[in-house]
Amino acid sequence: MEDNTIVIVDEDGKEYTMEIILTFDDDQGNSFVLVRDVNDEDIVFAFTYDEDGNLEAVEDPELLEMCEEVLASYDEGFNE
């Protein structure tokens, strides 16, 4: 498996191979990872993670908006 992919297992045991788009930390020290399904690159998922690698889906609307802004800034810089 490539270094920029992770496998996420849902509550039903189904595995999804995800491409890591980027990781970043916010001002409060929370770590985020933005990923997309390798089979559907149009949808981006946001997770927080801890030092043990445990993921938790970002559901808070304000945090999701912040993740969208970071992704937009990344895309702008990447496409320049």
PDB file of N, CA and C in Angstrom:
ATOM      1  N   MET A   1       0.846  -1.183   0.000  1.00  0.00           N
ATOM      2  CA  MET A   1       0.000   0.000   0.000  1.00  0.00           C
ATOM      3  C   MET A   1       0.889   1.242   0.000  1.00  0.00           C
ATOM      4  N   GLU A   2       0.438   2.257  -0.678  1.00  0.00           N
ATOM      5  CA  GLU A   2       1.211   3.489  -0.763  1.00  0.00           C
ATOM      6  C   GLU A   2       1.177   4.247   0.563  1.00  0.00           C
ATOM      7  N   ASP A   3       2.180   5.106   0.769  1.00  0.00           N
ATOM      8  CA  ASP A   3       2.268   5.881   1.999  1.00  0.00           C
ATOM      9  C   ASP A   3       1.138   6.889   2.142  1.00  0.00           C
ATOM     10  N   ASN A   4       0.514   7.302   1.053  1.00  0.00           N
ATOM     11  CA  ASN A   4      -0.519   8.329   1.124  1.00  0.00           C
ATOM     12  C   ASN A   4      -1.925   7.730   1.153  1.00  0.00           C
ATOM     13  N   THR A   5      -2.048   6.461   1.540  1.00  0.00           N
ATOM     14  CA  THR A   5      -3.368   5.853   1.660  1.00  0.00           C
ATOM     15  C   THR A   5      -3.537   5.241   3.041  1.00  0.00           C
ATOM     16  N   ILE A   6      -4.789   5.177   3.473  1.00  0.00           N
ATOM     17  CA  ILE A   6      -5.143   4.492   4.708  1.00  0.00           C
ATOM     18  C   ILE A   6      -6.400   3.683   4.440  1.00  0.00           C
ATOM     19  N   VAL A   7      -6.616   2.671   5.244  1.00  0.00           N
ATOM     20  CA  VAL A   7      -7.831   1.874   5.159  1.00  0.00           C
ATOM     21  C   VAL A   7      -8.685   2.208   6.369  1.00  0.00           C
ATOM     22  N   ILE A   8      -9.929   2.606   6.113  1.00  0.00           N
ATOM     23  CA  ILE A   8     -10.875   2.931   7.173  1.00  0.00           C
ATOM     24  C   ILE A   8     -11.942   1.853   7.187  1.00  0.00           C
ATOM     25  N   VAL A   9     -12.240   1.337   8.373  1.00  0.00           N
ATOM     26  CA  VAL A   9     -13.247   0.293   8.539  1.00  0.00           C
ATOM     27  C   VAL A   9     -14.459   0.911   9.224  1.00  0.00           C
ATOM     28  N   ASP A  10     -15.645   0.771   8.589  1.00  0.00           N
ATOM     29  CA  ASP A  10     -16.850   1.338   9.193  1.00  0.00           C
ATOM     30  C   ASP A  10     -17.405   0.395  10.260  1.00  0.00           C
ATOM     31  N   GLU A  11     -18.499   0.802  10.903  1.00  0.00           N
ATOM     32  CA  GLU A  11     -19.067   0.026  12.003  1.00  0.00           C
ATOM     33  C   GLU A  11     -19.585  -1.346  11.568  1.00  0.00           C
ATOM     34  N   ASP A  12     -19.809  -1.535  10.268  1.00  0.00           N
ATOM     35  CA  ASP A  12     -20.258  -2.827   9.742  1.00  0.00           C
ATOM     36  C   ASP A  12     -19.099  -3.712   9.293  1.00  0.00           C
ATOM     37  N   GLY A  13     -17.872  -3.216   9.449  1.00  0.00           N
ATOM     38  CA  GLY A  13     -16.704  -3.988   9.075  1.00  0.00           C
ATOM     39  C   GLY A  13     -16.273  -3.822   7.630  1.00  0.00           C
ATOM     40  N   LYS A  14     -16.950  -2.954   6.880  1.00  0.00           N
ATOM     41  CA  LYS A  14     -16.583  -2.721   5.490  1.00  0.00           C
ATOM     42  C   LYS A  14     -15.349  -1.821   5.434  1.00  0.00           C
ATOM     43  N   GLU A  15     -14.398  -2.194   4.589  1.00  0.00           N
ATOM     44  CA  GLU A  15     -13.153  -1.445   4.460  1.00  0.00           C
ATOM     45  C   GLU A  15     -13.198  -0.499   3.267  1.00  0.00           C
ATOM     46  N   TYR A  16     -12.636   0.689   3.465  1.00  0.00           N
ATOM     47  CA  TYR A  16     -12.545   1.697   2.419  1.00  0.00           C
ATOM     48  C   TYR A  16     -11.097   2.155   2.328  1.00  0.00           C
ATOM     49  N   THR A  17     -10.528   2.110   1.134  1.00  0.00           N
ATOM     50  CA  THR A  17      -9.182   2.629   0.931  1.00  0.00           C
ATOM     51  C   THR A  17      -9.305   4.110   0.608  1.00  0.00           C
ATOM     52  N   MET A  18      -8.645   4.922   1.420  1.00  0.00           N
ATOM     53  CA  MET A  18      -8.719   6.371   1.289  1.00  0.00           C
ATOM     54  C   MET A  18      -7.351   6.947   0.959  1.00  0.00           C
ATOM     55  N   GLU A  19      -7.378   7.948   0.089  1.00  0.00           N
ATOM     56  CA  GLU A  19      -6.168   8.701  -0.236  1.00  0.00           C
ATOM     57  C   GLU A  19      -6.083   9.888   0.707  1.00  0.00           C
ATOM     58  N   ILE A  20      -4.946  10.059   1.339  1.00  0.00           N
ATOM     59  CA  ILE A  20      -4.742  11.212   2.223  1.00  0.00           C
ATOM     60  C   ILE A  20      -4.450  12.422   1.350  1.00  0.00           C
ATOM     61  N   ILE A  21      -5.292  13.448   1.474  1.00  0.00           N
ATOM     62  CA  ILE A  21      -5.092  14.686   0.723  1.00  0.00           C
ATOM     63  C   ILE A  21      -4.112  15.574   1.477  1.00  0.00           C
ATOM     64  N   LEU A  22      -4.393  15.805   2.765  1.00  0.00           N
ATOM     65  CA  LEU A  22      -3.489  16.600   3.584  1.00  0.00           C
ATOM     66  C   LEU A  22      -3.807  16.416   5.049  1.00  0.00           C
ATOM     67  N   THR A  23      -2.827  16.746   5.869  1.00  0.00           N
ATOM     68  CA  THR A  23      -2.996  16.764   7.318  1.00  0.00           C
ATOM     69  C   THR A  23      -2.611  18.151   7.806  1.00  0.00           C
ATOM     70  N   PHE A  24      -3.226  18.580   8.909  1.00  0.00           N
ATOM     71  CA  PHE A  24      -2.895  19.878   9.480  1.00  0.00           C
ATOM     72  C   PHE A  24      -3.370  19.927  10.923  1.00  0.00           C
ATOM     73  N   ASP A  25      -2.847  20.893  11.673  1.00  0.00           N
ATOM     74  CA  ASP A  25      -3.251  21.140  13.061  1.00  0.00           C
ATOM     75  C   ASP A  25      -3.897  22.510  13.136  1.00  0.00           C
ATOM     76  N   ASP A  26      -4.897  22.634  14.027  1.00  0.00           N
ATOM     77  CA  ASP A  26      -5.508  23.947  14.227  1.00  0.00           C
ATOM     78  C   ASP A  26      -4.831  24.660  15.399  1.00  0.00           C
ATOM     79  N   ASP A  27      -5.302  25.861  15.730  1.00  0.00           N
ATOM     80  CA  ASP A  27      -4.706  26.666  16.788  1.00  0.00           C
ATOM     81  C   ASP A  27      -4.876  26.057  18.176  1.00  0.00           C
ATOM     82  N   GLN A  28      -5.849  25.143  18.332  1.00  0.00           N
ATOM     83  CA  GLN A  28      -6.096  24.505  19.621  1.00  0.00           C
ATOM     84  C   GLN A  28      -5.314  23.196  19.775  1.00  0.00           C
ATOM     85  N   GLY A  29      -4.501  22.854  18.783  1.00  0.00           N
ATOM     86  CA  GLY A  29      -3.691  21.645  18.858  1.00  0.00           C
ATOM     87  C   GLY A  29      -4.388  20.392  18.371  1.00  0.00           C
ATOM     88  N   ASN A  30      -5.569  20.530  17.756  1.00  0.00           N
ATOM     89  CA  ASN A  30      -6.257  19.378  17.184  1.00  0.00           C
ATOM     90  C   ASN A  30      -5.627  19.028  15.847  1.00  0.00           C
ATOM     91  N   SER A  31      -5.477  17.745  15.587  1.00  0.00           N
ATOM     92  CA  SER A  31      -4.901  17.278  14.329  1.00  0.00           C
ATOM     93  C   SER A  31      -6.014  16.786  13.419  1.00  0.00           C
ATOM     94  N   PHE A  32      -5.932  17.166  12.152  1.00  0.00           N
ATOM     95  CA  PHE A  32      -6.941  16.811  11.165  1.00  0.00           C
ATOM     96  C   PHE A  32      -6.298  16.095   9.995  1.00  0.00           C
ATOM     97  N   VAL A  33      -7.076  15.225   9.366  1.00  0.00           N
ATOM     98  CA  VAL A  33      -6.670  14.595   8.118  1.00  0.00           C
ATOM     99  C   VAL A  33      -7.863  14.668   7.170  1.00  0.00           C
ATOM    100  N   LEU A  34      -7.601  15.092   5.941  1.00  0.00           N
ATOM    101  CA  LEU A  34      -8.627  15.134   4.899  1.00  0.00           C
ATOM    102  C   LEU A  34      -8.309  14.028   3.912  1.00  0.00           C
ATOM    103  N   VAL A  35      -9.315  13.193   3.640  1.00  0.00           N
ATOM    104  CA  VAL A  35      -9.118  12.030   2.772  1.00  0.00           C
ATOM    105  C   VAL A  35     -10.241  11.940   1.758  1.00  0.00           C
ATOM    106  N   ARG A  36      -9.982  11.164   0.694  1.00  0.00           N
ATOM    107  CA  ARG A  36     -11.035  10.863  -0.271  1.00  0.00           C
ATOM    108  C   ARG A  36     -10.939   9.401  -0.651  1.00  0.00           C
ATOM    109  N   ASP A  37     -12.100   8.832  -0.950  1.00  0.00           N
ATOM    110  CA  ASP A  37     -12.184   7.438  -1.366  1.00  0.00           C
ATOM    111  C   ASP A  37     -11.485   7.311  -2.713  1.00  0.00           C
ATOM    112  N   VAL A  38     -10.596   6.340  -2.857  1.00  0.00           N
ATOM    113  CA  VAL A  38      -9.869   6.180  -4.115  1.00  0.00           C
ATOM    114  C   VAL A  38     -10.807   5.823  -5.261  1.00  0.00           C
ATOM    115  N   ASN A  39     -12.004   5.338  -4.947  1.00  0.00           N
ATOM    116  CA  ASN A  39     -12.982   4.985  -5.977  1.00  0.00           C
ATOM    117  C   ASN A  39     -13.963   6.106  -6.274  1.00  0.00           C
ATOM    118  N   ASP A  40     -13.953   7.183  -5.482  1.00  0.00           N
ATOM    119  CA  ASP A  40     -14.855   8.322  -5.683  1.00  0.00           C
ATOM    120  C   ASP A  40     -14.150   9.576  -5.201  1.00  0.00           C
ATOM    121  N   GLU A  41     -13.342  10.165  -6.071  1.00  0.00           N
ATOM    122  CA  GLU A  41     -12.490  11.290  -5.683  1.00  0.00           C
ATOM    123  C   GLU A  41     -13.242  12.604  -5.510  1.00  0.00           C
ATOM    124  N   ASP A  42     -14.548  12.622  -5.768  1.00  0.00           N
ATOM    125  CA  ASP A  42     -15.311  13.853  -5.648  1.00  0.00           C
ATOM    126  C   ASP A  42     -15.710  14.169  -4.211  1.00  0.00           C
ATOM    127  N   ILE A  43     -15.667  13.184  -3.326  1.00  0.00           N
ATOM    128  CA  ILE A  43     -16.108  13.378  -1.949  1.00  0.00           C
ATOM    129  C   ILE A  43     -14.901  13.361  -1.025  1.00  0.00           C
ATOM    130  N   VAL A  44     -14.800  14.406  -0.186  1.00  0.00           N
ATOM    131  CA  VAL A  44     -13.710  14.520   0.775  1.00  0.00           C
ATOM    132  C   VAL A  44     -14.285  14.332   2.170  1.00  0.00           C
ATOM    133  N   PHE A  45     -13.594  13.552   2.985  1.00  0.00           N
ATOM    134  CA  PHE A  45     -13.989  13.306   4.363  1.00  0.00           C
ATOM    135  C   PHE A  45     -12.971  13.951   5.291  1.00  0.00           C
ATOM    136  N   ALA A  46     -13.439  14.495   6.413  1.00  0.00           N
ATOM    137  CA  ALA A  46     -12.566  15.130   7.394  1.00  0.00           C
ATOM    138  C   ALA A  46     -12.624  14.338   8.700  1.00  0.00           C
ATOM    139  N   PHE A  47     -11.444  14.077   9.259  1.00  0.00           N
ATOM    140  CA  PHE A  47     -11.327  13.379  10.523  1.00  0.00           C
ATOM    141  C   PHE A  47     -10.350  14.122  11.418  1.00  0.00           C
ATOM    142  N   THR A  48     -10.561  14.012  12.729  1.00  0.00           N
ATOM    143  CA  THR A  48      -9.528  14.379  13.677  1.00  0.00           C
ATOM    144  C   THR A  48      -8.805  13.087  14.036  1.00  0.00           C
ATOM    145  N   TYR A  49      -7.569  13.219  14.495  1.00  0.00           N
ATOM    146  CA  TYR A  49      -6.839  12.036  14.923  1.00  0.00           C
ATOM    147  C   TYR A  49      -5.950  12.382  16.101  1.00  0.00           C
ATOM    148  N   ASP A  50      -5.648  11.351  16.902  1.00  0.00           N
ATOM    149  CA  ASP A  50      -4.774  11.546  18.054  1.00  0.00           C
ATOM    150  C   ASP A  50      -3.414  10.921  17.797  1.00  0.00           C
ATOM    151  N   GLU A  51      -2.528  10.999  18.791  1.00  0.00           N
ATOM    152  CA  GLU A  51      -1.164  10.507  18.600  1.00  0.00           C
ATOM    153  C   GLU A  51      -1.097   8.991  18.394  1.00  0.00           C
ATOM    154  N   ASP A  52      -2.182   8.284  18.737  1.00  0.00           N
ATOM    155  CA  ASP A  52      -2.231   6.841  18.502  1.00  0.00           C
ATOM    156  C   ASP A  52      -2.820   6.490  17.141  1.00  0.00           C
ATOM    157  N   GLY A  53      -3.234   7.519  16.376  1.00  0.00           N
ATOM    158  CA  GLY A  53      -3.792   7.291  15.053  1.00  0.00           C
ATOM    159  C   GLY A  53      -5.281   7.011  15.038  1.00  0.00           C
ATOM    160  N   ASN A  54      -5.944   7.177  16.184  1.00  0.00           N
ATOM    161  CA  ASN A  54      -7.392   6.966  16.236  1.00  0.00           C
ATOM    162  C   ASN A  54      -8.114   8.092  15.515  1.00  0.00           C
ATOM    163  N   LEU A  55      -9.022   7.730  14.606  1.00  0.00           N
ATOM    164  CA  LEU A  55      -9.766   8.707  13.817  1.00  0.00           C
ATOM    165  C   LEU A  55     -11.154   8.923  14.389  1.00  0.00           C
ATOM    166  N   GLU A  56     -11.631  10.166  14.276  1.00  0.00           N
ATOM    167  CA  GLU A  56     -13.006  10.499  14.621  1.00  0.00           C
ATOM    168  C   GLU A  56     -13.527  11.458  13.556  1.00  0.00           C
ATOM    169  N   ALA A  57     -14.654  11.117  12.973  1.00  0.00           N
ATOM    170  CA  ALA A  57     -15.223  11.948  11.914  1.00  0.00           C
ATOM    171  C   ALA A  57     -15.547  13.343  12.452  1.00  0.00           C
ATOM    172  N   VAL A  58     -15.238  14.356  11.670  1.00  0.00           N
ATOM    173  CA  VAL A  58     -15.576  15.732  12.026  1.00  0.00           C
ATOM    174  C   VAL A  58     -17.044  15.943  11.672  1.00  0.00           C
ATOM    175  N   GLU A  59     -17.846  16.282  12.674  1.00  0.00           N
ATOM    176  CA  GLU A  59     -19.270  16.497  12.458  1.00  0.00           C
ATOM    177  C   GLU A  59     -19.709  17.915  12.807  1.00  0.00           C
ATOM    178  N   ASP A  60     -18.907  18.619  13.586  1.00  0.00           N
ATOM    179  CA  ASP A  60     -19.234  19.979  13.987  1.00  0.00           C
ATOM    180  C   ASP A  60     -19.219  20.885  12.759  1.00  0.00           C
ATOM    181  N   PRO A  61     -20.320  21.615  12.489  1.00  0.00           N
ATOM    182  CA  PRO A  61     -20.395  22.462  11.292  1.00  0.00           C
ATOM    183  C   PRO A  61     -19.271  23.495  11.201  1.00  0.00           C
ATOM    184  N   GLU A  62     -18.885  24.071  12.325  1.00  0.00           N
ATOM    185  CA  GLU A  62     -17.811  25.074  12.296  1.00  0.00           C
ATOM    186  C   GLU A  62     -16.467  24.438  11.928  1.00  0.00           C
ATOM    187  N   LEU A  63     -16.207  23.255  12.464  1.00  0.00           N
ATOM    188  CA  LEU A  63     -14.952  22.568  12.130  1.00  0.00           C
ATOM    189  C   LEU A  63     -14.962  22.102  10.680  1.00  0.00           C
ATOM    190  N   LEU A  64     -16.112  21.641  10.201  1.00  0.00           N
ATOM    191  CA  LEU A  64     -16.212  21.248   8.798  1.00  0.00           C
ATOM    192  C   LEU A  64     -15.950  22.430   7.878  1.00  0.00           C
ATOM    193  N   GLU A  65     -16.498  23.594   8.235  1.00  0.00           N
ATOM    194  CA  GLU A  65     -16.268  24.795   7.432  1.00  0.00           C
ATOM    195  C   GLU A  65     -14.785  25.162   7.430  1.00  0.00           C
ATOM    196  N   MET A  66     -14.139  25.053   8.585  1.00  0.00           N
ATOM    197  CA  MET A  66     -12.710  25.338   8.671  1.00  0.00           C
ATOM    198  C   MET A  66     -11.922  24.367   7.788  1.00  0.00           C
ATOM    199  N   CYS A  67     -12.295  23.094   7.801  1.00  0.00           N
ATOM    200  CA  CYS A  67     -11.621  22.096   6.961  1.00  0.00           C
ATOM    201  C   CYS A  67     -11.810  22.416   5.480  1.00  0.00           C
ATOM    202  N   GLU A  68     -13.013  22.856   5.110  1.00  0.00           N
ATOM    203  CA  GLU A  68     -13.282  23.241   3.718  1.00  0.00           C
ATOM    204  C   GLU A  68     -12.408  24.418   3.308  1.00  0.00           C
ATOM    205  N   GLU A  69     -12.243  25.396   4.212  1.00  0.00           N
ATOM    206  CA  GLU A  69     -11.411  26.560   3.913  1.00  0.00           C
ATOM    207  C   GLU A  69      -9.943  26.163   3.750  1.00  0.00           C
ATOM    208  N   VAL A  70      -9.469  25.271   4.607  1.00  0.00           N
ATOM    209  CA  VAL A  70      -8.081  24.813   4.499  1.00  0.00           C
ATOM    210  C   VAL A  70      -7.888  24.073   3.177  1.00  0.00           C
ATOM    211  N   LEU A  71      -8.843  23.225   2.809  1.00  0.00           N
ATOM    212  CA  LEU A  71      -8.745  22.491   1.552  1.00  0.00           C
ATOM    213  C   LEU A  71      -8.760  23.447   0.360  1.00  0.00           C
ATOM    214  N   ALA A  72      -9.614  24.455   0.407  1.00  0.00           N
ATOM    215  CA  ALA A  72      -9.675  25.429  -0.683  1.00  0.00           C
ATOM    216  C   ALA A  72      -8.341  26.171  -0.810  1.00  0.00           C
ATOM    217  N   SER A  73      -7.753  26.561   0.313  1.00  0.00           N
ATOM    218  CA  SER A  73      -6.454  27.247   0.287  1.00  0.00           C
ATOM    219  C   SER A  73      -5.370  26.325  -0.258  1.00  0.00           C
ATOM    220  N   TYR A  74      -5.418  25.057   0.128  1.00  0.00           N
ATOM    221  CA  TYR A  74      -4.456  24.070  -0.371  1.00  0.00           C
ATOM    222  C   TYR A  74      -4.599  23.916  -1.877  1.00  0.00           C
ATOM    223  N   ASP A  75      -5.854  23.776  -2.341  1.00  0.00           N
ATOM    224  CA  ASP A  75      -6.094  23.622  -3.781  1.00  0.00           C
ATOM    225  C   ASP A  75      -5.609  24.844  -4.552  1.00  0.00           C
ATOM    226  N   GLU A  76      -5.840  26.039  -4.019  1.00  0.00           N
ATOM    227  CA  GLU A  76      -5.390  27.264  -4.694  1.00  0.00           C
ATOM    228  C   GLU A  76      -3.867  27.273  -4.805  1.00  0.00           C
ATOM    229  N   GLY A  77      -3.172  26.942  -3.735  1.00  0.00           N
ATOM    230  CA  GLY A  77      -1.726  26.936  -3.743  1.00  0.00           C
ATOM    231  C   GLY A  77      -1.152  25.841  -4.624  1.00  0.00           C
ATOM    232  N   PHE A  78      -1.846  24.715  -4.675  1.00  0.00           N
ATOM    233  CA  PHE A  78      -1.387  23.582  -5.467  1.00  0.00           C
ATOM    234  C   PHE A  78      -1.552  23.849  -6.960  1.00  0.00           C
ATOM    235  N   ASN A  79      -2.586  24.598  -7.317  1.00  0.00           N
ATOM    236  CA  ASN A  79      -2.877  24.858  -8.721  1.00  0.00           C
ATOM    237  C   ASN A  79      -2.184  26.082  -9.281  1.00  0.00           C
ATOM    238  N   GLU A  80      -1.428  26.805  -8.461  1.00  0.00           N
ATOM    239  CA  GLU A  80      -0.731  27.999  -8.951  1.00  0.00           C
ATOM    240  C   GLU A  80       0.527  27.636  -9.704  1.00  0.00           C
TER     241      GLU A  80
END
